[in-house]
Amino acid sequence: MAVSDKVLGGSMLLLAVFVFVYYTTWAILLPFFDASSPIHDYFLAREWAIRLPAFILVVGLSGIGLFIGSTVMKENHKKAQKARLRAA
């Protein structure tokens, strides 16, 4: 099991490095290249460099909020059940 964990961790690290290099090139370095440069063919339009991370952030924060909300509701439901059992 330890070898598969190392492989999974290594692949996740390589993916993170690739995404970082791709996004950094796309958002920071690409404006310095001429618009007719062939490197522009490898990237989406510049407005997507803002839209995609913003969308991912909204979806991620919504997921976290839903998780916290459902956890709080479950805990309140458990507390209410315990209070009903004590009262009965």
PDB file of N, CA and C in Angstrom:
ATOM      1  N   MET A   1       0.816  -1.189   0.000  1.00  0.00           N
ATOM      2  CA  MET A   1       0.000   0.000   0.000  1.00  0.00           C
ATOM      3  C   MET A   1       0.862   1.255   0.000  1.00  0.00           C
ATOM      4  N   ALA A   2       2.041   1.194   0.574  1.00  0.00           N
ATOM      5  CA  ALA A   2       2.898   2.376   0.653  1.00  0.00           C
ATOM      6  C   ALA A   2       3.389   2.797  -0.727  1.00  0.00           C
ATOM      7  N   VAL A   3       3.631   1.845  -1.598  1.00  0.00           N
ATOM      8  CA  VAL A   3       4.112   2.186  -2.935  1.00  0.00           C
ATOM      9  C   VAL A   3       3.015   2.895  -3.722  1.00  0.00           C
ATOM     10  N   SER A   4       1.794   2.424  -3.618  1.00  0.00           N
ATOM     11  CA  SER A   4       0.709   3.067  -4.351  1.00  0.00           C
ATOM     12  C   SER A   4       0.451   4.477  -3.820  1.00  0.00           C
ATOM     13  N   ASP A   5       0.635   4.679  -2.514  1.00  0.00           N
ATOM     14  CA  ASP A   5       0.495   6.021  -1.951  1.00  0.00           C
ATOM     15  C   ASP A   5       1.573   6.952  -2.499  1.00  0.00           C
ATOM     16  N   LYS A   6       2.774   6.432  -2.643  1.00  0.00           N
ATOM     17  CA  LYS A   6       3.860   7.241  -3.186  1.00  0.00           C
ATOM     18  C   LYS A   6       3.598   7.585  -4.653  1.00  0.00           C
ATOM     19  N   VAL A   7       3.093   6.620  -5.401  1.00  0.00           N
ATOM     20  CA  VAL A   7       2.787   6.867  -6.808  1.00  0.00           C
ATOM     21  C   VAL A   7       1.670   7.900  -6.932  1.00  0.00           C
ATOM     22  N   LEU A   8       0.637   7.749  -6.121  1.00  0.00           N
ATOM     23  CA  LEU A   8      -0.468   8.699  -6.140  1.00  0.00           C
ATOM     24  C   LEU A   8       0.009  10.097  -5.745  1.00  0.00           C
ATOM     25  N   GLY A   9       0.803  10.186  -4.700  1.00  0.00           N
ATOM     26  CA  GLY A   9       1.337  11.476  -4.274  1.00  0.00           C
ATOM     27  C   GLY A   9       2.233  12.110  -5.323  1.00  0.00           C
ATOM     28  N   GLY A  10       3.068  11.296  -5.949  1.00  0.00           N
ATOM     29  CA  GLY A  10       3.945  11.811  -6.999  1.00  0.00           C
ATOM     30  C   GLY A  10       3.171  12.299  -8.209  1.00  0.00           C
ATOM     31  N   SER A  11       2.135  11.547  -8.596  1.00  0.00           N
ATOM     32  CA  SER A  11       1.331  11.980  -9.740  1.00  0.00           C
ATOM     33  C   SER A  11       0.553  13.242  -9.411  1.00  0.00           C
ATOM     34  N   MET A  12       0.062  13.376  -8.201  1.00  0.00           N
ATOM     35  CA  MET A  12      -0.635  14.599  -7.794  1.00  0.00           C
ATOM     36  C   MET A  12       0.315  15.792  -7.778  1.00  0.00           C
ATOM     37  N   LEU A  13       1.534  15.565  -7.343  1.00  0.00           N
ATOM     38  CA  LEU A  13       2.535  16.626  -7.340  1.00  0.00           C
ATOM     39  C   LEU A  13       2.882  17.059  -8.759  1.00  0.00           C
ATOM     40  N   LEU A  14       3.066  16.097  -9.649  1.00  0.00           N
ATOM     41  CA  LEU A  14       3.355  16.430 -11.046  1.00  0.00           C
ATOM     42  C   LEU A  14       2.195  17.190 -11.695  1.00  0.00           C
ATOM     43  N   LEU A  15       0.974  16.791 -11.401  1.00  0.00           N
ATOM     44  CA  LEU A  15      -0.188  17.500 -11.922  1.00  0.00           C
ATOM     45  C   LEU A  15      -0.235  18.938 -11.396  1.00  0.00           C
ATOM     46  N   ALA A  16       0.042  19.115 -10.116  1.00  0.00           N
ATOM     47  CA  ALA A  16       0.042  20.458  -9.518  1.00  0.00           C
ATOM     48  C   ALA A  16       1.120  21.332 -10.141  1.00  0.00           C
ATOM     49  N   VAL A  17       2.302  20.773 -10.374  1.00  0.00           N
ATOM     50  CA  VAL A  17       3.388  21.533 -11.001  1.00  0.00           C
ATOM     51  C   VAL A  17       3.012  21.909 -12.426  1.00  0.00           C
ATOM     52  N   PHE A  18       2.412  20.983 -13.169  1.00  0.00           N
ATOM     53  CA  PHE A  18       1.994  21.271 -14.536  1.00  0.00           C
ATOM     54  C   PHE A  18       0.951  22.386 -14.572  1.00  0.00           C
ATOM     55  N   VAL A  19      -0.057  22.296 -13.711  1.00  0.00           N
ATOM     56  CA  VAL A  19      -1.098  23.325 -13.665  1.00  0.00           C
ATOM     57  C   VAL A  19      -0.501  24.671 -13.284  1.00  0.00           C
ATOM     58  N   PHE A  20       0.415  24.689 -12.326  1.00  0.00           N
ATOM     59  CA  PHE A  20       1.048  25.938 -11.910  1.00  0.00           C
ATOM     60  C   PHE A  20       1.836  26.566 -13.056  1.00  0.00           C
ATOM     61  N   VAL A  21       2.643  25.773 -13.726  1.00  0.00           N
ATOM     62  CA  VAL A  21       3.455  26.298 -14.828  1.00  0.00           C
ATOM     63  C   VAL A  21       2.557  26.763 -15.975  1.00  0.00           C
ATOM     64  N   TYR A  22       1.538  25.981 -16.307  1.00  0.00           N
ATOM     65  CA  TYR A  22       0.625  26.342 -17.397  1.00  0.00           C
ATOM     66  C   TYR A  22      -0.091  27.651 -17.076  1.00  0.00           C
ATOM     67  N   TYR A  23      -0.664  27.759 -15.875  1.00  0.00           N
ATOM     68  CA  TYR A  23      -1.415  28.958 -15.515  1.00  0.00           C
ATOM     69  C   TYR A  23      -0.506  30.173 -15.397  1.00  0.00           C
ATOM     70  N   THR A  24       0.682  29.997 -14.834  1.00  0.00           N
ATOM     71  CA  THR A  24       1.620  31.115 -14.724  1.00  0.00           C
ATOM     72  C   THR A  24       2.018  31.618 -16.098  1.00  0.00           C
ATOM     73  N   THR A  25       2.287  30.694 -17.005  1.00  0.00           N
ATOM     74  CA  THR A  25       2.628  31.097 -18.372  1.00  0.00           C
ATOM     75  C   THR A  25       1.452  31.800 -19.027  1.00  0.00           C
ATOM     76  N   TRP A  26       0.260  31.266 -18.832  1.00  0.00           N
ATOM     77  CA  TRP A  26      -0.942  31.797 -19.443  1.00  0.00           C
ATOM     78  C   TRP A  26      -1.280  33.194 -18.935  1.00  0.00           C
ATOM     79  N   ALA A  27      -1.251  33.365 -17.627  1.00  0.00           N
ATOM     80  CA  ALA A  27      -1.727  34.617 -17.038  1.00  0.00           C
ATOM     81  C   ALA A  27      -0.653  35.685 -16.924  1.00  0.00           C
ATOM     82  N   ILE A  28       0.597  35.291 -16.743  1.00  0.00           N
ATOM     83  CA  ILE A  28       1.642  36.284 -16.464  1.00  0.00           C
ATOM     84  C   ILE A  28       2.589  36.491 -17.643  1.00  0.00           C
ATOM     85  N   LEU A  29       3.036  35.417 -18.256  1.00  0.00           N
ATOM     86  CA  LEU A  29       4.039  35.546 -19.308  1.00  0.00           C
ATOM     87  C   LEU A  29       3.468  35.783 -20.695  1.00  0.00           C
ATOM     88  N   LEU A  30       2.266  35.280 -20.978  1.00  0.00           N
ATOM     89  CA  LEU A  30       1.696  35.377 -22.318  1.00  0.00           C
ATOM     90  C   LEU A  30       1.523  36.812 -22.829  1.00  0.00           C
ATOM     91  N   PRO A  31       1.177  37.773 -21.982  1.00  0.00           N
ATOM     92  CA  PRO A  31       1.042  39.145 -22.507  1.00  0.00           C
ATOM     93  C   PRO A  31       2.342  39.728 -23.074  1.00  0.00           C
ATOM     94  N   PHE A  32       3.466  39.189 -22.686  1.00  0.00           N
ATOM     95  CA  PHE A  32       4.745  39.700 -23.172  1.00  0.00           C
ATOM     96  C   PHE A  32       5.117  39.145 -24.551  1.00  0.00           C
ATOM     97  N   PHE A  33       4.390  38.127 -25.015  1.00  0.00           N
ATOM     98  CA  PHE A  33       4.635  37.580 -26.344  1.00  0.00           C
ATOM     99  C   PHE A  33       3.781  38.314 -27.366  1.00  0.00           C
ATOM    100  N   ASP A  34       4.279  38.416 -28.571  1.00  0.00           N
ATOM    101  CA  ASP A  34       3.539  39.049 -29.654  1.00  0.00           C
ATOM    102  C   ASP A  34       2.259  38.264 -29.933  1.00  0.00           C
ATOM    103  N   ALA A  35       1.188  38.949 -30.297  1.00  0.00           N
ATOM    104  CA  ALA A  35      -0.102  38.293 -30.532  1.00  0.00           C
ATOM    105  C   ALA A  35      -0.036  37.285 -31.665  1.00  0.00           C
ATOM    106  N   SER A  36       0.893  37.458 -32.594  1.00  0.00           N
ATOM    107  CA  SER A  36       1.014  36.509 -33.710  1.00  0.00           C
ATOM    108  C   SER A  36       1.910  35.318 -33.371  1.00  0.00           C
ATOM    109  N   SER A  37       2.421  35.274 -32.162  1.00  0.00           N
ATOM    110  CA  SER A  37       3.297  34.183 -31.761  1.00  0.00           C
ATOM    111  C   SER A  37       2.520  32.870 -31.701  1.00  0.00           C
ATOM    112  N   PRO A  38       3.139  31.778 -32.139  1.00  0.00           N
ATOM    113  CA  PRO A  38       2.429  30.485 -32.120  1.00  0.00           C
ATOM    114  C   PRO A  38       2.159  29.966 -30.705  1.00  0.00           C
ATOM    115  N   ILE A  39       2.792  30.542 -29.703  1.00  0.00           N
ATOM    116  CA  ILE A  39       2.552  30.079 -28.332  1.00  0.00           C
ATOM    117  C   ILE A  39       1.122  30.389 -27.887  1.00  0.00           C
ATOM    118  N   HIS A  40       0.487  31.385 -28.501  1.00  0.00           N
ATOM    119  CA  HIS A  40      -0.892  31.733 -28.155  1.00  0.00           C
ATOM    120  C   HIS A  40      -1.876  30.633 -28.541  1.00  0.00           C
ATOM    121  N   ASP A  41      -1.485  29.758 -29.437  1.00  0.00           N
ATOM    122  CA  ASP A  41      -2.366  28.670 -29.866  1.00  0.00           C
ATOM    123  C   ASP A  41      -2.560  27.615 -28.774  1.00  0.00           C
ATOM    124  N   TYR A  42      -1.665  27.563 -27.795  1.00  0.00           N
ATOM    125  CA  TYR A  42      -1.738  26.562 -26.736  1.00  0.00           C
ATOM    126  C   TYR A  42      -2.620  26.979 -25.567  1.00  0.00           C
ATOM    127  N   PHE A  43      -3.144  28.195 -25.591  1.00  0.00           N
ATOM    128  CA  PHE A  43      -3.892  28.723 -24.452  1.00  0.00           C
ATOM    129  C   PHE A  43      -5.256  29.234 -24.893  1.00  0.00           C
ATOM    130  N   LEU A  44      -6.200  29.223 -23.964  1.00  0.00           N
ATOM    131  CA  LEU A  44      -7.501  29.826 -24.200  1.00  0.00           C
ATOM    132  C   LEU A  44      -7.366  31.345 -24.200  1.00  0.00           C
ATOM    133  N   ALA A  45      -8.465  32.032 -24.464  1.00  0.00           N
ATOM    134  CA  ALA A  45      -8.462  33.491 -24.444  1.00  0.00           C
ATOM    135  C   ALA A  45      -8.121  33.989 -23.037  1.00  0.00           C
ATOM    136  N   ARG A  46      -7.593  35.189 -22.954  1.00  0.00           N
ATOM    137  CA  ARG A  46      -7.113  35.724 -21.673  1.00  0.00           C
ATOM    138  C   ARG A  46      -8.209  35.873 -20.627  1.00  0.00           C
ATOM    139  N   GLU A  47      -9.450  36.167 -21.032  1.00  0.00           N
ATOM    140  CA  GLU A  47     -10.512  36.357 -20.041  1.00  0.00           C
ATOM    141  C   GLU A  47     -10.806  35.077 -19.271  1.00  0.00           C
ATOM    142  N   TRP A  48     -10.493  33.923 -19.880  1.00  0.00           N
ATOM    143  CA  TRP A  48     -10.705  32.659 -19.176  1.00  0.00           C
ATOM    144  C   TRP A  48      -9.680  32.434 -18.074  1.00  0.00           C
ATOM    145  N   ALA A  49      -8.583  33.169 -18.109  1.00  0.00           N
ATOM    146  CA  ALA A  49      -7.592  33.073 -17.029  1.00  0.00           C
ATOM    147  C   ALA A  49      -8.162  33.619 -15.727  1.00  0.00           C
ATOM    148  N   ILE A  50      -9.195  34.435 -15.817  1.00  0.00           N
ATOM    149  CA  ILE A  50      -9.871  34.949 -14.630  1.00  0.00           C
ATOM    150  C   ILE A  50     -11.152  34.173 -14.368  1.00  0.00           C
ATOM    151  N   ARG A  51     -11.899  33.866 -15.416  1.00  0.00           N
ATOM    152  CA  ARG A  51     -13.190  33.196 -15.248  1.00  0.00           C
ATOM    153  C   ARG A  51     -13.067  31.799 -14.645  1.00  0.00           C
ATOM    154  N   LEU A  52     -12.132  31.006 -15.128  1.00  0.00           N
ATOM    155  CA  LEU A  52     -12.006  29.632 -14.624  1.00  0.00           C
ATOM    156  C   LEU A  52     -11.643  29.569 -13.140  1.00  0.00           C
ATOM    157  N   PRO A  53     -10.609  30.290 -12.685  1.00  0.00           N
ATOM    158  CA  PRO A  53     -10.322  30.249 -11.245  1.00  0.00           C
ATOM    159  C   PRO A  53     -11.461  30.818 -10.397  1.00  0.00           C
ATOM    160  N   ALA A  54     -12.149  31.845 -10.901  1.00  0.00           N
ATOM    161  CA  ALA A  54     -13.278  32.401 -10.157  1.00  0.00           C
ATOM    162  C   ALA A  54     -14.401  31.370 -10.036  1.00  0.00           C
ATOM    163  N   PHE A  55     -14.683  30.659 -11.122  1.00  0.00           N
ATOM    164  CA  PHE A  55     -15.709  29.623 -11.088  1.00  0.00           C
ATOM    165  C   PHE A  55     -15.318  28.499 -10.132  1.00  0.00           C
ATOM    166  N   ILE A  56     -14.072  28.078 -10.181  1.00  0.00           N
ATOM    167  CA  ILE A  56     -13.598  27.017  -9.280  1.00  0.00           C
ATOM    168  C   ILE A  56     -13.692  27.471  -7.828  1.00  0.00           C
ATOM    169  N   LEU A  57     -13.366  28.736  -7.576  1.00  0.00           N
ATOM    170  CA  LEU A  57     -13.456  29.277  -6.217  1.00  0.00           C
ATOM    171  C   LEU A  57     -14.908  29.290  -5.730  1.00  0.00           C
ATOM    172  N   VAL A  58     -15.842  29.724  -6.569  1.00  0.00           N
ATOM    173  CA  VAL A  58     -17.251  29.766  -6.179  1.00  0.00           C
ATOM    174  C   VAL A  58     -17.775  28.357  -5.913  1.00  0.00           C
ATOM    175  N   VAL A  59     -17.444  27.419  -6.779  1.00  0.00           N
ATOM    176  CA  VAL A  59     -17.898  26.037  -6.587  1.00  0.00           C
ATOM    177  C   VAL A  59     -17.280  25.439  -5.318  1.00  0.00           C
ATOM    178  N   GLY A  60     -16.003  25.684  -5.101  1.00  0.00           N
ATOM    179  CA  GLY A  60     -15.341  25.161  -3.908  1.00  0.00           C
ATOM    180  C   GLY A  60     -15.906  25.735  -2.621  1.00  0.00           C
ATOM    181  N   LEU A  61     -16.095  27.053  -2.582  1.00  0.00           N
ATOM    182  CA  LEU A  61     -16.660  27.675  -1.384  1.00  0.00           C
ATOM    183  C   LEU A  61     -18.106  27.241  -1.166  1.00  0.00           C
ATOM    184  N   SER A  62     -18.855  27.043  -2.231  1.00  0.00           N
ATOM    185  CA  SER A  62     -20.228  26.546  -2.105  1.00  0.00           C
ATOM    186  C   SER A  62     -20.235  25.128  -1.531  1.00  0.00           C
ATOM    187  N   GLY A  63     -19.322  24.306  -2.000  1.00  0.00           N
ATOM    188  CA  GLY A  63     -19.223  22.947  -1.473  1.00  0.00           C
ATOM    189  C   GLY A  63     -18.859  22.928   0.000  1.00  0.00           C
ATOM    190  N   ILE A  64     -17.927  23.784   0.388  1.00  0.00           N
ATOM    191  CA  ILE A  64     -17.542  23.871   1.801  1.00  0.00           C
ATOM    192  C   ILE A  64     -18.712  24.361   2.636  1.00  0.00           C
ATOM    193  N   GLY A  65     -19.411  25.371   2.134  1.00  0.00           N
ATOM    194  CA  GLY A  65     -20.574  25.889   2.852  1.00  0.00           C
ATOM    195  C   GLY A  65     -21.668  24.853   3.000  1.00  0.00           C
ATOM    196  N   LEU A  66     -21.931  24.085   1.936  1.00  0.00           N
ATOM    197  CA  LEU A  66     -22.928  23.024   2.014  1.00  0.00           C
ATOM    198  C   LEU A  66     -22.519  21.941   3.017  1.00  0.00           C
ATOM    199  N   PHE A  67     -21.249  21.591   3.024  1.00  0.00           N
ATOM    200  CA  PHE A  67     -20.771  20.586   3.975  1.00  0.00           C
ATOM    201  C   PHE A  67     -20.931  21.064   5.407  1.00  0.00           C
ATOM    202  N   ILE A  68     -20.517  22.298   5.672  1.00  0.00           N
ATOM    203  CA  ILE A  68     -20.640  22.841   7.030  1.00  0.00           C
ATOM    204  C   ILE A  68     -22.104  22.946   7.428  1.00  0.00           C
ATOM    205  N   GLY A  69     -22.945  23.433   6.513  1.00  0.00           N
ATOM    206  CA  GLY A  69     -24.369  23.551   6.814  1.00  0.00           C
ATOM    207  C   GLY A  69     -25.020  22.216   7.121  1.00  0.00           C
ATOM    208  N   SER A  70     -24.714  21.201   6.322  1.00  0.00           N
ATOM    209  CA  SER A  70     -25.312  19.886   6.571  1.00  0.00           C
ATOM    210  C   SER A  70     -24.791  19.282   7.874  1.00  0.00           C
ATOM    211  N   THR A  71     -23.536  19.511   8.196  1.00  0.00           N
ATOM    212  CA  THR A  71     -22.977  19.003   9.452  1.00  0.00           C
ATOM    213  C   THR A  71     -23.646  19.676  10.642  1.00  0.00           C
ATOM    214  N   VAL A  72     -23.833  20.983  10.582  1.00  0.00           N
ATOM    215  CA  VAL A  72     -24.490  21.705  11.671  1.00  0.00           C
ATOM    216  C   VAL A  72     -25.926  21.223  11.828  1.00  0.00           C
ATOM    217  N   MET A  73     -26.624  21.029  10.714  1.00  0.00           N
ATOM    218  CA  MET A  73     -28.011  20.558  10.791  1.00  0.00           C
ATOM    219  C   MET A  73     -28.090  19.153  11.392  1.00  0.00           C
ATOM    220  N   LYS A  74     -27.180  18.277  11.031  1.00  0.00           N
ATOM    221  CA  LYS A  74     -27.175  16.926  11.594  1.00  0.00           C
ATOM    222  C   LYS A  74     -26.897  16.966  13.089  1.00  0.00           C
ATOM    223  N   GLU A  75     -25.942  17.799  13.505  1.00  0.00           N
ATOM    224  CA  GLU A  75     -25.623  17.900  14.938  1.00  0.00           C
ATOM    225  C   GLU A  75     -26.805  18.463  15.719  1.00  0.00           C
ATOM    226  N   ASN A  76     -27.484  19.464  15.158  1.00  0.00           N
ATOM    227  CA  ASN A  76     -28.657  20.022  15.835  1.00  0.00           C
ATOM    228  C   ASN A  76     -29.776  18.993  15.923  1.00  0.00           C
ATOM    229  N   HIS A  77     -29.923  18.180  14.890  1.00  0.00           N
ATOM    230  CA  HIS A  77     -30.926  17.122  14.910  1.00  0.00           C
ATOM    231  C   HIS A  77     -30.593  16.090  15.993  1.00  0.00           C
ATOM    232  N   LYS A  78     -29.335  15.731  16.119  1.00  0.00           N
ATOM    233  CA  LYS A  78     -28.925  14.776  17.161  1.00  0.00           C
ATOM    234  C   LYS A  78     -29.168  15.352  18.549  1.00  0.00           C
ATOM    235  N   LYS A  79     -28.847  16.629  18.743  1.00  0.00           N
ATOM    236  CA  LYS A  79     -29.075  17.268  20.041  1.00  0.00           C
ATOM    237  C   LYS A  79     -30.555  17.320  20.370  1.00  0.00           C
ATOM    238  N   ALA A  80     -31.388  17.585  19.392  1.00  0.00           N
ATOM    239  CA  ALA A  80     -32.832  17.632  19.620  1.00  0.00           C
ATOM    240  C   ALA A  80     -33.359  16.254  19.988  1.00  0.00           C
ATOM    241  N   GLN A  81     -32.844  15.215  19.341  1.00  0.00           N
ATOM    242  CA  GLN A  81     -33.271  13.859  19.679  1.00  0.00           C
ATOM    243  C   GLN A  81     -32.865  13.497  21.098  1.00  0.00           C
ATOM    244  N   LYS A  82     -31.645  13.870  21.503  1.00  0.00           N
ATOM    245  CA  LYS A  82     -31.197  13.586  22.865  1.00  0.00           C
ATOM    246  C   LYS A  82     -32.045  14.339  23.878  1.00  0.00           C
ATOM    247  N   ALA A  83     -32.402  15.572  23.554  1.00  0.00           N
ATOM    248  CA  ALA A  83     -33.239  16.352  24.474  1.00  0.00           C
ATOM    249  C   ALA A  83     -34.635  15.732  24.589  1.00  0.00           C
ATOM    250  N   ARG A  84     -35.182  15.215  23.476  1.00  0.00           N
ATOM    251  CA  ARG A  84     -36.489  14.565  23.520  1.00  0.00           C
ATOM    252  C   ARG A  84     -36.424  13.278  24.338  1.00  0.00           C
ATOM    253  N   LEU A  85     -35.320  12.543  24.217  1.00  0.00           N
ATOM    254  CA  LEU A  85     -35.192  11.299  25.002  1.00  0.00           C
ATOM    255  C   LEU A  85     -35.070  11.587  26.482  1.00  0.00           C
ATOM    256  N   ARG A  86     -34.373  12.665  26.847  1.00  0.00           N
ATOM    257  CA  ARG A  86     -34.242  13.025  28.251  1.00  0.00           C
ATOM    258  C   ARG A  86     -35.575  13.496  28.828  1.00  0.00           C
ATOM    259  N   ALA A  87     -36.347  14.207  28.017  1.00  0.00           N
ATOM    260  CA  ALA A  87     -37.619  14.738  28.491  1.00  0.00           C
ATOM    261  C   ALA A  87     -38.661  13.617  28.623  1.00  0.00           C
ATOM    262  N   ALA A  88     -38.530  12.561  27.855  1.00  0.00           N
ATOM    263  CA  ALA A  88     -39.537  11.490  27.906  1.00  0.00           C
ATOM    264  C   ALA A  88     -39.314  10.522  29.034  1.00  0.00           C
TER     265      ALA A  88
END
